[in-house]
Amino acid sequence: MKRILFVLMAILLTTGMITAQQKEASITVTDSATYDFGDINEADGPVSHEFTILNNGEMPLVVTNVVASCGCTTPEWTKEPIAPGKTGIIKATYDPSGRPNRFTKTINVYSNGKAGSYALTIRGNVIPK
C-alpha cells in the first residue's frame, strides 16, 4: 500500500513539475533580429534602431540585461515585465565617430524567456567625414 501511494505521489509531483515548466515566458522579435542601417555619414553622429520584442509565452517576460559587443553601441530596453502577448523595445544606438567602413555589432538580450542570450544584430557602412 505504501508503495502504491509513493508511486502515485511521484506521478502527481512529476506531472505538476512538467506543467509548471511548460508555462514560461518566450522572447521573439516581431520583424527581424538583424537591422541594416545601410550607408551612414560619420558627421551625422549616432544612429538608432528599435527592435520590438514579443512575449509569446504564458508567463511575464523579464529582460534582465542587454549587452552590446562593443562600447560604440549603447542598448536601452523595456525594464518592466512584458505580459504574455505584449511587446517591449530593445533600442540599439551606434556611434560612428572614428569608425569608418563596414560594421557588424551584436546585442545580447538576457531574459527569463530563453536559456542563454537572444542575439540581435546591427550593421551598416560608415562614410568618413
Protein backbone atom coordinates (compact mmCIF):
# COMPACT_ATOMS: atom_id res chain seq x y z
CA MET A 1 0.00 0.00 0.00
CA LYS A 2 2.84 2.39 0.86
CA ARG A 3 4.50 1.67 -2.50
CA ILE A 4 1.31 2.46 -4.39
CA LEU A 5 0.92 5.75 -2.52
CA PHE A 6 4.59 6.56 -3.14
CA VAL A 7 4.26 5.85 -6.88
CA LEU A 8 1.04 7.90 -7.13
CA MET A 9 2.66 10.79 -5.26
CA ALA A 10 5.72 10.66 -7.55
CA ILE A 11 3.48 10.71 -10.64
CA LEU A 12 1.49 13.68 -9.33
CA LEU A 13 4.63 15.64 -8.46
CA THR A 14 6.24 14.90 -11.83
CA THR A 15 3.07 15.90 -13.71
CA GLY A 16 2.89 19.13 -11.71
CA MET A 17 6.52 19.93 -12.46
CA ILE A 18 6.06 19.31 -16.19
CA THR A 19 3.01 21.60 -16.26
CA ALA A 20 4.91 24.31 -14.38
CA GLN A 21 7.87 24.04 -16.77
CA GLN A 22 5.64 24.39 -19.82
CA LYS A 23 4.28 27.72 -18.57
CA GLU A 24 7.12 30.13 -19.19
CA ALA A 25 7.98 33.35 -20.97
CA SER A 26 9.29 33.26 -24.52
CA ILE A 27 11.15 36.03 -26.38
CA THR A 28 10.99 36.69 -30.12
CA VAL A 29 11.50 39.73 -32.35
CA THR A 30 8.43 40.84 -34.32
CA ASP A 31 10.30 41.84 -37.51
CA SER A 32 13.90 40.74 -37.90
CA ALA A 33 16.73 40.12 -35.43
CA THR A 34 19.07 41.96 -37.85
CA TYR A 35 18.88 45.61 -38.90
CA ASP A 36 20.99 47.18 -41.66
CA PHE A 37 21.46 50.95 -41.41
CA GLY A 38 22.93 51.00 -44.92
CA ASP A 39 25.29 53.92 -45.55
CA ILE A 40 25.54 56.41 -42.69
CA ASN A 41 27.65 59.55 -42.54
CA GLU A 42 30.17 59.74 -39.73
CA ALA A 43 29.50 63.50 -39.49
CA ASP A 44 25.78 62.93 -38.77
CA GLY A 45 26.52 61.31 -35.41
CA PRO A 46 24.85 58.36 -33.66
CA VAL A 47 22.05 56.34 -35.29
CA SER A 48 19.45 54.19 -33.53
CA HIS A 49 17.10 51.33 -34.25
CA GLU A 50 14.34 49.91 -32.06
CA PHE A 51 13.75 46.17 -32.12
CA THR A 52 10.25 45.20 -30.99
CA ILE A 53 10.29 42.07 -28.85
CA LEU A 54 7.23 39.92 -28.23
CA ASN A 55 6.46 37.68 -25.29
CA ASN A 56 4.73 34.73 -26.93
CA GLY A 57 4.89 32.66 -23.74
CA GLU A 58 2.42 32.21 -20.91
CA MET A 59 4.32 34.00 -18.11
CA PRO A 60 5.62 37.60 -17.89
CA LEU A 61 8.89 38.18 -19.77
CA VAL A 62 11.60 39.96 -17.78
CA VAL A 63 14.61 41.32 -19.68
CA THR A 64 17.36 41.16 -17.07
CA ASN A 65 20.26 42.58 -19.08
CA VAL A 66 21.24 43.72 -22.57
CA VAL A 67 24.92 43.72 -23.54
CA ALA A 68 26.44 45.19 -26.71
CA SER A 69 29.53 43.67 -28.32
CA CYS A 70 31.47 46.94 -28.01
CA GLY A 71 31.39 50.36 -26.39
CA CYS A 72 30.35 52.01 -29.66
CA THR A 73 26.83 50.55 -29.26
CA THR A 74 24.55 51.58 -26.41
CA PRO A 75 21.47 49.48 -25.62
CA GLU A 76 18.28 50.60 -23.86
CA TRP A 77 15.34 48.32 -23.10
CA THR A 78 11.94 47.93 -21.51
CA LYS A 79 12.58 47.46 -17.79
CA GLU A 80 9.05 46.43 -16.73
CA PRO A 81 7.90 42.80 -17.12
CA ILE A 82 6.25 42.22 -20.51
CA ALA A 83 2.90 40.45 -20.18
CA PRO A 84 2.10 37.41 -22.37
CA GLY A 85 1.15 38.55 -25.88
CA LYS A 86 2.53 42.07 -25.31
CA THR A 87 5.62 43.79 -26.70
CA GLY A 88 8.64 45.72 -25.43
CA ILE A 89 11.55 47.56 -27.01
CA ILE A 90 15.29 46.98 -27.32
CA LYS A 91 16.88 50.17 -28.67
CA ALA A 92 20.42 50.00 -30.08
CA THR A 93 22.33 53.24 -30.68
CA TYR A 94 25.54 53.08 -32.72
CA ASP A 95 28.14 55.89 -32.62
CA PRO A 96 30.10 56.02 -35.92
CA SER A 97 32.66 58.62 -34.73
CA GLY A 98 36.16 57.49 -35.75
CA ARG A 99 34.84 54.20 -37.17
CA PRO A 100 34.83 54.41 -40.98
CA ASN A 101 33.91 51.41 -43.16
CA ARG A 102 31.56 48.47 -42.61
CA PHE A 103 30.45 47.38 -39.16
CA THR A 104 28.50 44.50 -37.64
CA LYS A 105 27.62 44.60 -33.94
CA THR A 106 25.78 42.11 -31.76
CA ILE A 107 23.41 42.93 -28.91
CA ASN A 108 22.80 40.04 -26.49
CA VAL A 109 19.48 40.07 -24.65
CA TYR A 110 19.27 38.12 -21.39
CA SER A 111 15.82 37.24 -20.04
CA ASN A 112 13.72 34.57 -18.43
CA GLY A 113 12.39 33.78 -21.93
CA LYS A 114 15.40 31.84 -23.24
CA ALA A 115 18.33 30.00 -21.74
CA GLY A 116 21.48 31.96 -22.51
CA SER A 117 21.01 35.05 -24.63
CA TYR A 118 18.91 36.11 -27.60
CA ALA A 119 21.13 37.81 -30.21
CA LEU A 120 20.22 40.92 -32.19
CA THR A 121 22.49 42.38 -34.87
CA ILE A 122 23.00 45.82 -36.37
CA ARG A 123 25.18 46.53 -39.36
CA GLY A 124 25.97 49.26 -41.84
CA ASN A 125 28.67 51.24 -43.58
CA VAL A 126 30.17 54.42 -42.15
CA ILE A 127 31.13 57.04 -44.74
CA PRO A 128 34.06 59.09 -43.34
CA LYS A 129 33.91 62.87 -42.81
